């Protein structure tokens, strides 16, 4: 009788296990490789995201720096110091204008018209030339027949003369022709025959105009 054969069970089990290992090994290698690639891709994405963030931050920094430089340039351009002569002129005009506004306000309150205001159109204020022209126009409308306006008219005349002398000494442009005058003053001058009514409206218009001048004294530097 032939010798006893070794049982097949353990052998088959060993073969199956070995075969399974051979089959699973490539799968495991592929899985490991896939995980490695995914991890590497994630790192690249993070790195790219970091570079992109840094790039954006650098761009924002450069833009902010550029805007700051431009702001400084414009600030320096706007902050050019005025000459001593110009400073004195503006201070004098401001003081005289404030006194005139106060005097006009007192006059209107005496007539119980202190809260009255006028609607547009307004008178032009774009430089010394238009300012002198408007003051001259209102001066002609302030009738001496209206009680209490003679002093106001004298002060308006004095302010207009001072500004006109300054304009002639510092501006090469001629005074604007009166025909170009528009706004409320032009309307009042077309009704000059109504002395009292036009005179009161002229007081209101002049007060409003001088108040606007006080808020825009920079126009004194424009011809």
Protein backbone atom coordinates (compact mmCIF):
# COMPACT_ATOMS: atom_id res chain seq x y z
CA UNK A 1 0.00 0.00 0.00
CA UNK A 2 1.36 3.18 -1.00
CA UNK A 3 2.48 5.53 1.67
CA UNK A 4 -0.15 7.78 3.11
CA UNK A 5 -0.58 11.04 1.20
CA UNK A 6 -0.41 14.32 2.99
CA UNK A 7 -3.82 15.91 3.53
CA UNK A 8 -4.80 18.40 0.84
CA UNK A 9 -6.71 20.74 3.16
CA UNK A 10 -3.75 22.56 4.73
CA UNK A 11 -1.96 22.70 1.39
CA UNK A 12 -4.95 24.17 -0.40
CA UNK A 13 -5.43 26.68 2.35
CA UNK A 14 -1.80 27.72 2.09
CA UNK A 15 -2.06 28.06 -1.69
CA UNK A 16 -5.25 30.05 -1.52
CA UNK A 17 -3.79 32.40 1.07
CA UNK A 18 -0.63 32.86 -1.00
CA UNK A 19 -2.69 33.40 -4.14
CA UNK A 20 -4.87 35.92 -2.35
CA UNK A 21 -1.81 37.77 -1.18
CA UNK A 22 -0.49 37.84 -4.75
CA UNK A 23 -3.79 39.18 -6.00
CA UNK A 24 -4.22 41.76 -3.23
CA UNK A 25 -0.64 42.99 -3.36
CA UNK A 26 -1.05 44.96 -6.61
CA UNK A 27 -4.36 46.31 -5.35
CA UNK A 28 -2.78 47.42 -2.12
CA UNK A 29 0.14 48.97 -3.99
CA UNK A 30 -2.26 50.79 -6.26
CA UNK A 31 -4.30 51.91 -3.28
CA UNK A 32 -1.21 53.14 -1.48
CA UNK A 33 -0.04 54.94 -4.61
CA UNK A 34 -3.45 56.55 -5.03
CA UNK A 35 -3.42 57.74 -1.44
CA UNK A 36 0.11 59.10 -1.90
CA UNK A 37 -0.89 60.98 -5.06
CA UNK A 38 -3.99 62.37 -3.36
CA UNK A 39 -1.96 63.53 -0.39
CA UNK A 40 0.61 65.11 -2.68
CA UNK A 41 -2.13 66.80 -4.69
CA UNK A 42 -3.65 68.18 -1.49
CA UNK A 43 -0.28 69.58 -0.46
CA UNK A 44 0.12 71.16 -3.89
CA UNK A 45 -3.33 72.68 -3.63
CA UNK A 46 -2.52 74.06 -0.22
CA UNK A 47 0.79 75.41 -1.49
CA UNK A 48 -0.84 76.97 -4.53
CA UNK A 49 -3.56 78.43 -2.35
CA UNK A 50 -0.94 79.88 -0.06
CA UNK A 51 0.97 81.35 -2.99
CA UNK A 52 -2.27 82.73 -4.43
CA UNK A 53 -3.22 84.25 -1.08
CA UNK A 54 0.23 85.77 -0.72
CA UNK A 55 -0.01 87.07 -4.29
CA UNK A 56 -3.37 88.70 -3.57
CA UNK A 57 -2.06 90.16 -0.35
CA UNK A 58 0.98 91.54 -2.15
CA UNK A 59 -1.28 93.08 -4.81
CA UNK A 60 -3.47 94.66 -2.12
CA UNK A 61 -0.37 95.96 -0.37
CA UNK A 62 0.96 97.52 -3.59
CA UNK A 63 -2.41 99.08 -4.38
CA UNK A 64 -2.71 100.52 -0.89
CA UNK A 65 0.81 101.90 -1.14
CA UNK A 66 0.04 103.46 -4.53
CA UNK A 67 -3.17 105.05 -3.26
CA UNK A 68 -1.34 106.38 -0.22
CA UNK A 69 1.34 107.94 -2.42
CA UNK A 70 -1.28 109.53 -4.68
CA UNK A 71 -3.13 110.86 -1.65
CA UNK A 72 0.06 112.40 -0.34
CA UNK A 73 0.81 114.01 -3.70
CA UNK A 74 -2.67 115.52 -3.96
CA UNK A 75 -2.59 116.61 -0.33
CA UNK A 76 0.71 118.37 -0.86
CA UNK A 77 -0.63 119.98 -4.03
CA UNK A 78 -3.72 121.24 -2.25
CA UNK A 79 -1.77 122.36 0.78
CA UNK A 80 0.43 124.84 -1.05
CA UNK A 81 0.75 127.70 1.43
CA UNK A 82 -0.85 131.01 0.52
CA UNK A 83 1.23 134.14 0.36
CA UNK A 84 1.07 136.48 3.32
CA UNK A 85 -0.69 139.02 1.13
CA UNK A 86 -3.39 136.51 0.16
CA UNK A 87 -3.94 135.47 3.77
CA UNK A 88 -4.44 139.10 4.80
CA UNK A 89 -6.85 139.68 1.90
CA UNK A 90 -8.98 136.65 2.78
CA UNK A 91 -9.08 137.57 6.45
CA UNK A 92 -10.20 141.11 5.63
CA UNK A 93 -12.87 139.96 3.17
CA UNK A 94 -14.15 137.38 5.67
CA UNK A 95 -14.42 139.96 8.45
CA UNK A 96 -16.14 142.58 6.28
CA UNK A 97 -18.52 139.99 4.83
CA UNK A 98 -19.50 138.70 8.27
CA UNK A 99 -20.22 142.26 9.40
CA UNK A 100 -22.34 142.86 6.33
CA UNK A 101 -24.34 139.67 6.85
CA UNK A 102 -24.97 140.64 10.47
CA UNK A 103 -26.10 144.13 9.44
CA UNK A 104 -28.43 142.74 6.77
CA UNK A 105 -29.85 140.24 9.24
CA UNK A 106 -30.61 143.00 11.75
CA UNK A 107 -32.31 145.03 9.03
CA UNK A 108 -34.52 142.11 7.97
CA UNK A 109 -35.48 141.24 11.54
CA UNK A 110 -36.51 144.82 12.09
CA UNK A 111 -38.91 144.39 9.17
CA UNK A 112 -40.04 141.01 10.57
CA UNK A 113 -38.48 139.29 7.57
CA UNK A 114 -35.63 137.54 9.35
CA UNK A 115 -36.87 134.03 8.48
CA UNK A 116 -37.70 134.84 4.87
CA UNK A 117 -35.57 133.22 2.18
CA UNK A 118 -35.53 133.26 -1.58
CA UNK A 119 -35.78 130.39 -4.01
CA UNK A 120 -33.41 129.82 -6.94
CA UNK A 121 -32.05 130.99 -9.30
CA UNK A 122 -28.94 131.99 -7.43
CA UNK A 123 -26.25 134.42 -8.48
CA UNK A 124 -22.92 133.21 -9.93
CA UNK A 125 -19.81 132.85 -7.79
CA UNK A 126 -16.89 131.34 -9.66
CA UNK A 127 -14.13 133.86 -9.00
CA UNK A 128 -13.27 137.48 -8.34
CA UNK A 129 -14.70 138.74 -11.62
CA UNK A 130 -18.22 137.40 -11.01
CA UNK A 131 -18.03 138.41 -7.34
CA UNK A 132 -17.23 142.03 -8.16
CA UNK A 133 -19.95 142.12 -10.80
CA UNK A 134 -22.64 140.73 -8.48
CA UNK A 135 -21.72 143.08 -5.62
CA UNK A 136 -21.86 146.02 -8.01
CA UNK A 137 -25.32 144.93 -9.16
CA UNK A 138 -26.69 144.61 -5.63
CA UNK A 139 -25.14 147.93 -4.68
CA UNK A 140 -27.17 149.61 -7.42
CA UNK A 141 -30.39 147.98 -6.15
CA UNK A 142 -30.01 149.01 -2.50
CA UNK A 143 -32.03 152.20 -2.64
CA UNK A 144 -31.12 155.02 -0.29
CA UNK A 145 -34.84 155.68 0.03
CA UNK A 146 -35.16 152.55 2.16
CA UNK A 147 -34.49 153.58 5.73
CA UNK A 148 -31.39 151.96 7.24
CA UNK A 149 -29.73 150.81 4.03
CA UNK A 150 -27.34 153.69 3.43
CA UNK A 151 -24.69 152.19 5.73
CA UNK A 152 -25.14 148.77 4.14
CA UNK A 153 -24.73 150.25 0.70
CA UNK A 154 -21.52 152.02 1.71
CA UNK A 155 -20.07 148.80 3.11
CA UNK A 156 -21.00 146.87 -0.03
CA UNK A 157 -19.33 149.58 -2.11
CA UNK A 158 -16.21 149.41 0.04
CA UNK A 159 -15.99 145.61 -0.20
CA UNK A 160 -16.58 145.65 -3.95
CA UNK A 161 -13.91 148.31 -4.47
CA UNK A 162 -11.38 146.39 -2.40
CA UNK A 163 -11.99 143.17 -4.33
CA UNK A 164 -11.88 144.98 -7.67
CA UNK A 165 -8.53 146.57 -6.81
CA UNK A 166 -7.18 143.17 -5.80
CA UNK A 167 -8.47 141.59 -9.01
CA UNK A 168 -6.86 144.27 -11.17
CA UNK A 169 -3.54 143.79 -9.41
CA UNK A 170 -3.50 139.99 -9.57
CA UNK A 171 -5.58 138.96 -12.58
CA UNK A 172 -4.86 139.49 -16.26
CA UNK A 173 -8.43 138.70 -17.36
CA UNK A 174 -10.79 141.66 -17.89
CA UNK A 175 -13.94 142.06 -15.84
CA UNK A 176 -16.90 140.10 -17.17
CA UNK A 177 -19.40 142.14 -19.19
CA UNK A 178 -22.59 142.94 -17.33
CA UNK A 179 -24.65 141.41 -20.10
CA UNK A 180 -23.45 137.96 -19.01
CA UNK A 181 -24.92 138.39 -15.53
CA UNK A 182 -27.59 135.81 -14.77
CA UNK A 183 -29.53 134.57 -11.77
CA UNK A 184 -31.66 136.45 -9.26
CA UNK A 185 -29.79 139.72 -9.69
CA UNK A 186 -30.61 139.80 -13.41
CA UNK A 187 -34.31 139.32 -12.60
CA UNK A 188 -34.28 142.12 -10.02
CA UNK A 189 -32.54 144.53 -12.38
CA UNK A 190 -35.29 143.96 -14.92
CA UNK A 191 -37.81 145.33 -12.37
CA UNK A 192 -35.86 148.28 -11.01
CA UNK A 193 -38.88 150.58 -11.26
CA UNK A 194 -40.41 148.82 -8.21
CA UNK A 195 -37.96 150.43 -5.83
CA UNK A 196 -39.21 149.22 -2.47
CA UNK A 197 -40.08 145.65 -3.47
CA UNK A 198 -36.87 145.18 -5.41
CA UNK A 199 -34.89 146.78 -2.58
CA UNK A 200 -36.17 144.26 -0.02
CA UNK A 201 -35.54 141.36 -2.37
CA UNK A 202 -32.06 142.73 -3.02
CA UNK A 203 -31.34 142.68 0.72
CA UNK A 204 -32.44 139.04 0.89
CA UNK A 205 -30.46 138.10 -2.20
CA UNK A 206 -27.33 139.90 -1.03
CA UNK A 207 -27.46 138.24 2.40
CA UNK A 208 -27.79 134.82 0.80
CA UNK A 209 -24.97 135.55 -1.65
CA UNK A 210 -22.59 136.76 1.05
CA UNK A 211 -23.41 133.70 3.17
CA UNK A 212 -22.47 131.52 0.22
CA UNK A 213 -19.22 133.47 -0.17
CA UNK A 214 -18.32 132.82 3.48
CA UNK A 215 -18.65 129.08 2.84
CA UNK A 216 -16.55 129.27 -0.33
CA UNK A 217 -13.71 131.69 0.37
CA UNK A 218 -11.43 129.64 -1.89
CA UNK A 219 -13.06 131.42 -4.83
CA UNK A 220 -11.12 134.52 -3.79
CA UNK A 221 -8.06 132.83 -5.25
CA UNK A 222 -9.70 132.49 -8.68
CA UNK A 223 -9.90 135.32 -11.18
